[in-house]
Amino acid sequence: MNAGLKNVTIQKSRQDLLPDDLLLDYITPEQLRTFKQSGFGIFSITVYAMK
């Protein structure tokens, strides 16, 4: 679906570091180890676009 947005840019990006005990409420210890070794993360971004 095309929303017709132009000049789309990411204004801010920051990694959200969540405590292990919180993550372990949702994933197993093995999944947590894999997640930490993967280089992936949970990010918050601010996007700017013109219509």
PDB file of N, CA and C in Angstrom:
ATOM      1  N   MET A   1       0.851  -1.175   0.000  1.00  0.00           N
ATOM      2  CA  MET A   1       0.000   0.000   0.000  1.00  0.00           C
ATOM      3  C   MET A   1       0.894   1.235   0.000  1.00  0.00           C
ATOM      4  N   ASN A   2       0.633   2.151  -0.861  1.00  0.00           N
ATOM      5  CA  ASN A   2       1.414   3.374  -0.977  1.00  0.00           C
ATOM      6  C   ASN A   2       0.679   4.505  -0.271  1.00  0.00           C
ATOM      7  N   ALA A   3       1.304   5.092   0.735  1.00  0.00           N
ATOM      8  CA  ALA A   3       0.657   6.153   1.510  1.00  0.00           C
ATOM      9  C   ALA A   3       0.930   7.535   0.930  1.00  0.00           C
ATOM     10  N   GLY A   4       1.752   7.604  -0.116  1.00  0.00           N
ATOM     11  CA  GLY A   4       2.032   8.887  -0.742  1.00  0.00           C
ATOM     12  C   GLY A   4       2.965   9.782   0.060  1.00  0.00           C
ATOM     13  N   LEU A   5       3.796   9.216   0.895  1.00  0.00           N
ATOM     14  CA  LEU A   5       4.715  10.007   1.715  1.00  0.00           C
ATOM     15  C   LEU A   5       6.009  10.258   0.946  1.00  0.00           C
ATOM     16  N   LYS A   6       6.583  11.435   1.162  1.00  0.00           N
ATOM     17  CA  LYS A   6       7.827  11.825   0.490  1.00  0.00           C
ATOM     18  C   LYS A   6       8.826  12.289   1.529  1.00  0.00           C
ATOM     19  N   ASN A   7      10.078  12.291   1.151  1.00  0.00           N
ATOM     20  CA  ASN A   7      11.161  12.758   2.028  1.00  0.00           C
ATOM     21  C   ASN A   7      11.125  12.075   3.388  1.00  0.00           C
ATOM     22  N   VAL A   8      10.978  10.775   3.371  1.00  0.00           N
ATOM     23  CA  VAL A   8      10.908  10.005   4.610  1.00  0.00           C
ATOM     24  C   VAL A   8      12.326   9.856   5.172  1.00  0.00           C
ATOM     25  N   THR A   9      12.512  10.299   6.409  1.00  0.00           N
ATOM     26  CA  THR A   9      13.819  10.172   7.054  1.00  0.00           C
ATOM     27  C   THR A   9      13.624   9.739   8.509  1.00  0.00           C
ATOM     28  N   ILE A  10      14.629   9.064   9.018  1.00  0.00           N
ATOM     29  CA  ILE A  10      14.640   8.712  10.435  1.00  0.00           C
ATOM     30  C   ILE A  10      15.361   9.831  11.164  1.00  0.00           C
ATOM     31  N   GLN A  11      14.651  10.525  12.033  1.00  0.00           N
ATOM     32  CA  GLN A  11      15.206  11.660  12.761  1.00  0.00           C
ATOM     33  C   GLN A  11      16.030  11.224  13.968  1.00  0.00           C
ATOM     34  N   LYS A  12      15.545  10.221  14.682  1.00  0.00           N
ATOM     35  CA  LYS A  12      16.229   9.731  15.873  1.00  0.00           C
ATOM     36  C   LYS A  12      16.108   8.216  15.917  1.00  0.00           C
ATOM     37  N   SER A  13      17.144   7.588  16.425  1.00  0.00           N
ATOM     38  CA  SER A  13      17.126   6.154  16.628  1.00  0.00           C
ATOM     39  C   SER A  13      17.931   5.868  17.887  1.00  0.00           C
ATOM     40  N   ARG A  14      17.351   5.066  18.767  1.00  0.00           N
ATOM     41  CA  ARG A  14      18.088   4.702  19.972  1.00  0.00           C
ATOM     42  C   ARG A  14      17.709   3.290  20.353  1.00  0.00           C
ATOM     43  N   GLN A  15      18.708   2.566  20.834  1.00  0.00           N
ATOM     44  CA  GLN A  15      18.461   1.198  21.265  1.00  0.00           C
ATOM     45  C   GLN A  15      17.903   1.206  22.677  1.00  0.00           C
ATOM     46  N   ASP A  16      16.839   0.442  22.873  1.00  0.00           N
ATOM     47  CA  ASP A  16      16.239   0.294  24.198  1.00  0.00           C
ATOM     48  C   ASP A  16      16.818  -0.956  24.839  1.00  0.00           C
ATOM     49  N   LEU A  17      17.547  -0.772  25.922  1.00  0.00           N
ATOM     50  CA  LEU A  17      18.143  -1.898  26.631  1.00  0.00           C
ATOM     51  C   LEU A  17      17.202  -2.332  27.748  1.00  0.00           C
ATOM     52  N   LEU A  18      16.656  -3.516  27.591  1.00  0.00           N
ATOM     53  CA  LEU A  18      15.707  -4.043  28.572  1.00  0.00           C
ATOM     54  C   LEU A  18      16.429  -4.988  29.517  1.00  0.00           C
ATOM     55  N   PRO A  19      16.081  -4.978  30.796  1.00  0.00           N
ATOM     56  CA  PRO A  19      16.713  -5.885  31.758  1.00  0.00           C
ATOM     57  C   PRO A  19      16.411  -7.351  31.428  1.00  0.00           C
ATOM     58  N   ASP A  20      17.398  -8.204  31.690  1.00  0.00           N
ATOM     59  CA  ASP A  20      17.230  -9.625  31.409  1.00  0.00           C
ATOM     60  C   ASP A  20      16.000 -10.208  32.097  1.00  0.00           C
ATOM     61  N   ASP A  21      15.752  -9.824  33.340  1.00  0.00           N
ATOM     62  CA  ASP A  21      14.612 -10.405  34.057  1.00  0.00           C
ATOM     63  C   ASP A  21      13.286 -10.068  33.382  1.00  0.00           C
ATOM     64  N   LEU A  22      13.192  -8.906  32.763  1.00  0.00           N
ATOM     65  CA  LEU A  22      11.975  -8.555  32.021  1.00  0.00           C
ATOM     66  C   LEU A  22      11.861  -9.406  30.757  1.00  0.00           C
ATOM     67  N   LEU A  23      12.952  -9.530  30.021  1.00  0.00           N
ATOM     68  CA  LEU A  23      12.928 -10.333  28.797  1.00  0.00           C
ATOM     69  C   LEU A  23      12.599 -11.793  29.098  1.00  0.00           C
ATOM     70  N   LEU A  24      13.081 -12.290  30.245  1.00  0.00           N
ATOM     71  CA  LEU A  24      12.832 -13.686  30.591  1.00  0.00           C
ATOM     72  C   LEU A  24      11.373 -13.958  30.941  1.00  0.00           C
ATOM     73  N   ASP A  25      10.574 -12.919  31.101  1.00  0.00           N
ATOM     74  CA  ASP A  25       9.123 -13.099  31.253  1.00  0.00           C
ATOM     75  C   ASP A  25       8.487 -13.537  29.932  1.00  0.00           C
ATOM     76  N   TYR A  26       9.199 -13.314  28.806  1.00  0.00           N
ATOM     77  CA  TYR A  26       8.636 -13.554  27.480  1.00  0.00           C
ATOM     78  C   TYR A  26       9.409 -14.573  26.652  1.00  0.00           C
ATOM     79  N   ILE A  27      10.691 -14.772  26.949  1.00  0.00           N
ATOM     80  CA  ILE A  27      11.507 -15.714  26.182  1.00  0.00           C
ATOM     81  C   ILE A  27      12.288 -16.613  27.147  1.00  0.00           C
ATOM     82  N   THR A  28      12.777 -17.721  26.617  1.00  0.00           N
ATOM     83  CA  THR A  28      13.526 -18.673  27.438  1.00  0.00           C
ATOM     84  C   THR A  28      14.966 -18.181  27.614  1.00  0.00           C
ATOM     85  N   PRO A  29      15.680 -18.718  28.608  1.00  0.00           N
ATOM     86  CA  PRO A  29      17.088 -18.351  28.779  1.00  0.00           C
ATOM     87  C   PRO A  29      17.926 -18.618  27.524  1.00  0.00           C
ATOM     88  N   GLU A  30      17.633 -19.717  26.825  1.00  0.00           N
ATOM     89  CA  GLU A  30      18.358 -20.019  25.584  1.00  0.00           C
ATOM     90  C   GLU A  30      18.084 -18.953  24.521  1.00  0.00           C
ATOM     91  N   GLN A  31      16.830 -18.540  24.384  1.00  0.00           N
ATOM     92  CA  GLN A  31      16.477 -17.484  23.427  1.00  0.00           C
ATOM     93  C   GLN A  31      17.144 -16.164  23.797  1.00  0.00           C
ATOM     94  N   LEU A  32      17.261 -15.880  25.087  1.00  0.00           N
ATOM     95  CA  LEU A  32      17.913 -14.657  25.542  1.00  0.00           C
ATOM     96  C   LEU A  32      19.390 -14.662  25.144  1.00  0.00           C
ATOM     97  N   ARG A  33      20.070 -15.798  25.346  1.00  0.00           N
ATOM     98  CA  ARG A  33      21.484 -15.896  24.947  1.00  0.00           C
ATOM     99  C   ARG A  33      21.635 -15.673  23.447  1.00  0.00           C
ATOM    100  N   THR A  34      20.772 -16.310  22.664  1.00  0.00           N
ATOM    101  CA  THR A  34      20.815 -16.160  21.207  1.00  0.00           C
ATOM    102  C   THR A  34      20.575 -14.702  20.809  1.00  0.00           C
ATOM    103  N   PHE A  35      19.593 -14.071  21.433  1.00  0.00           N
ATOM    104  CA  PHE A  35      19.276 -12.664  21.151  1.00  0.00           C
ATOM    105  C   PHE A  35      20.483 -11.768  21.442  1.00  0.00           C
ATOM    106  N   LYS A  36      21.125 -11.963  22.574  1.00  0.00           N
ATOM    107  CA  LYS A  36      22.262 -11.119  22.961  1.00  0.00           C
ATOM    108  C   LYS A  36      23.456 -11.321  22.036  1.00  0.00           C
ATOM    109  N   GLN A  37      23.633 -12.519  21.509  1.00  0.00           N
ATOM    110  CA  GLN A  37      24.752 -12.815  20.621  1.00  0.00           C
ATOM    111  C   GLN A  37      24.468 -12.419  19.173  1.00  0.00           C
ATOM    112  N   SER A  38      23.224 -12.140  18.841  1.00  0.00           N
ATOM    113  CA  SER A  38      22.821 -11.907  17.451  1.00  0.00           C
ATOM    114  C   SER A  38      23.212 -10.543  16.904  1.00  0.00           C
ATOM    115  N   GLY A  39      23.375  -9.557  17.786  1.00  0.00           N
ATOM    116  CA  GLY A  39      23.621  -8.204  17.296  1.00  0.00           C
ATOM    117  C   GLY A  39      22.330  -7.440  17.010  1.00  0.00           C
ATOM    118  N   PHE A  40      21.200  -8.119  17.138  1.00  0.00           N
ATOM    119  CA  PHE A  40      19.914  -7.450  16.954  1.00  0.00           C
ATOM    120  C   PHE A  40      19.531  -6.732  18.239  1.00  0.00           C
ATOM    121  N   GLY A  41      18.501  -5.903  18.176  1.00  0.00           N
ATOM    122  CA  GLY A  41      18.067  -5.192  19.361  1.00  0.00           C
ATOM    123  C   GLY A  41      16.653  -4.678  19.204  1.00  0.00           C
ATOM    124  N   ILE A  42      16.211  -4.001  20.230  1.00  0.00           N
ATOM    125  CA  ILE A  42      14.908  -3.351  20.236  1.00  0.00           C
ATOM    126  C   ILE A  42      15.183  -1.854  20.171  1.00  0.00           C
ATOM    127  N   PHE A  43      14.611  -1.183  19.166  1.00  0.00           N
ATOM    128  CA  PHE A  43      14.911   0.219  18.917  1.00  0.00           C
ATOM    129  C   PHE A  43      13.654   1.070  18.928  1.00  0.00           C
ATOM    130  N   SER A  44      13.808   2.298  19.361  1.00  0.00           N
ATOM    131  CA  SER A  44      12.772   3.323  19.231  1.00  0.00           C
ATOM    132  C   SER A  44      13.249   4.280  18.148  1.00  0.00           C
ATOM    133  N   ILE A  45      12.351   4.633  17.246  1.00  0.00           N
ATOM    134  CA  ILE A  45      12.733   5.567  16.182  1.00  0.00           C
ATOM    135  C   ILE A  45      11.688   6.673  16.060  1.00  0.00           C
ATOM    136  N   THR A  46      12.144   7.813  15.574  1.00  0.00           N
ATOM    137  CA  THR A  46      11.257   8.920  15.228  1.00  0.00           C
ATOM    138  C   THR A  46      11.404   9.134  13.727  1.00  0.00           C
ATOM    139  N   VAL A  47      10.293   9.068  13.008  1.00  0.00           N
ATOM    140  CA  VAL A  47      10.301   9.174  11.560  1.00  0.00           C
ATOM    141  C   VAL A  47       9.630  10.488  11.156  1.00  0.00           C
ATOM    142  N   TYR A  48      10.224  11.154  10.150  1.00  0.00           N
ATOM    143  CA  TYR A  48       9.662  12.381   9.588  1.00  0.00           C
ATOM    144  C   TYR A  48       9.328  12.099   8.137  1.00  0.00           C
ATOM    145  N   ALA A  49       8.160  12.594   7.684  1.00  0.00           N
ATOM    146  CA  ALA A  49       7.770  12.434   6.281  1.00  0.00           C
ATOM    147  C   ALA A  49       6.838  13.575   5.894  1.00  0.00           C
ATOM    148  N   MET A  50       6.784  13.836   4.610  1.00  0.00           N
ATOM    149  CA  MET A  50       5.885  14.862   4.080  1.00  0.00           C
ATOM    150  C   MET A  50       4.833  14.174   3.213  1.00  0.00           C
ATOM    151  N   LYS A  51       3.629  14.706   3.247  1.00  0.00           N
ATOM    152  CA  LYS A  51       2.557  14.166   2.398  1.00  0.00           C
ATOM    153  C   LYS A  51       2.097  15.227   1.445  1.00  0.00           C
TER     154      LYS A  51
END
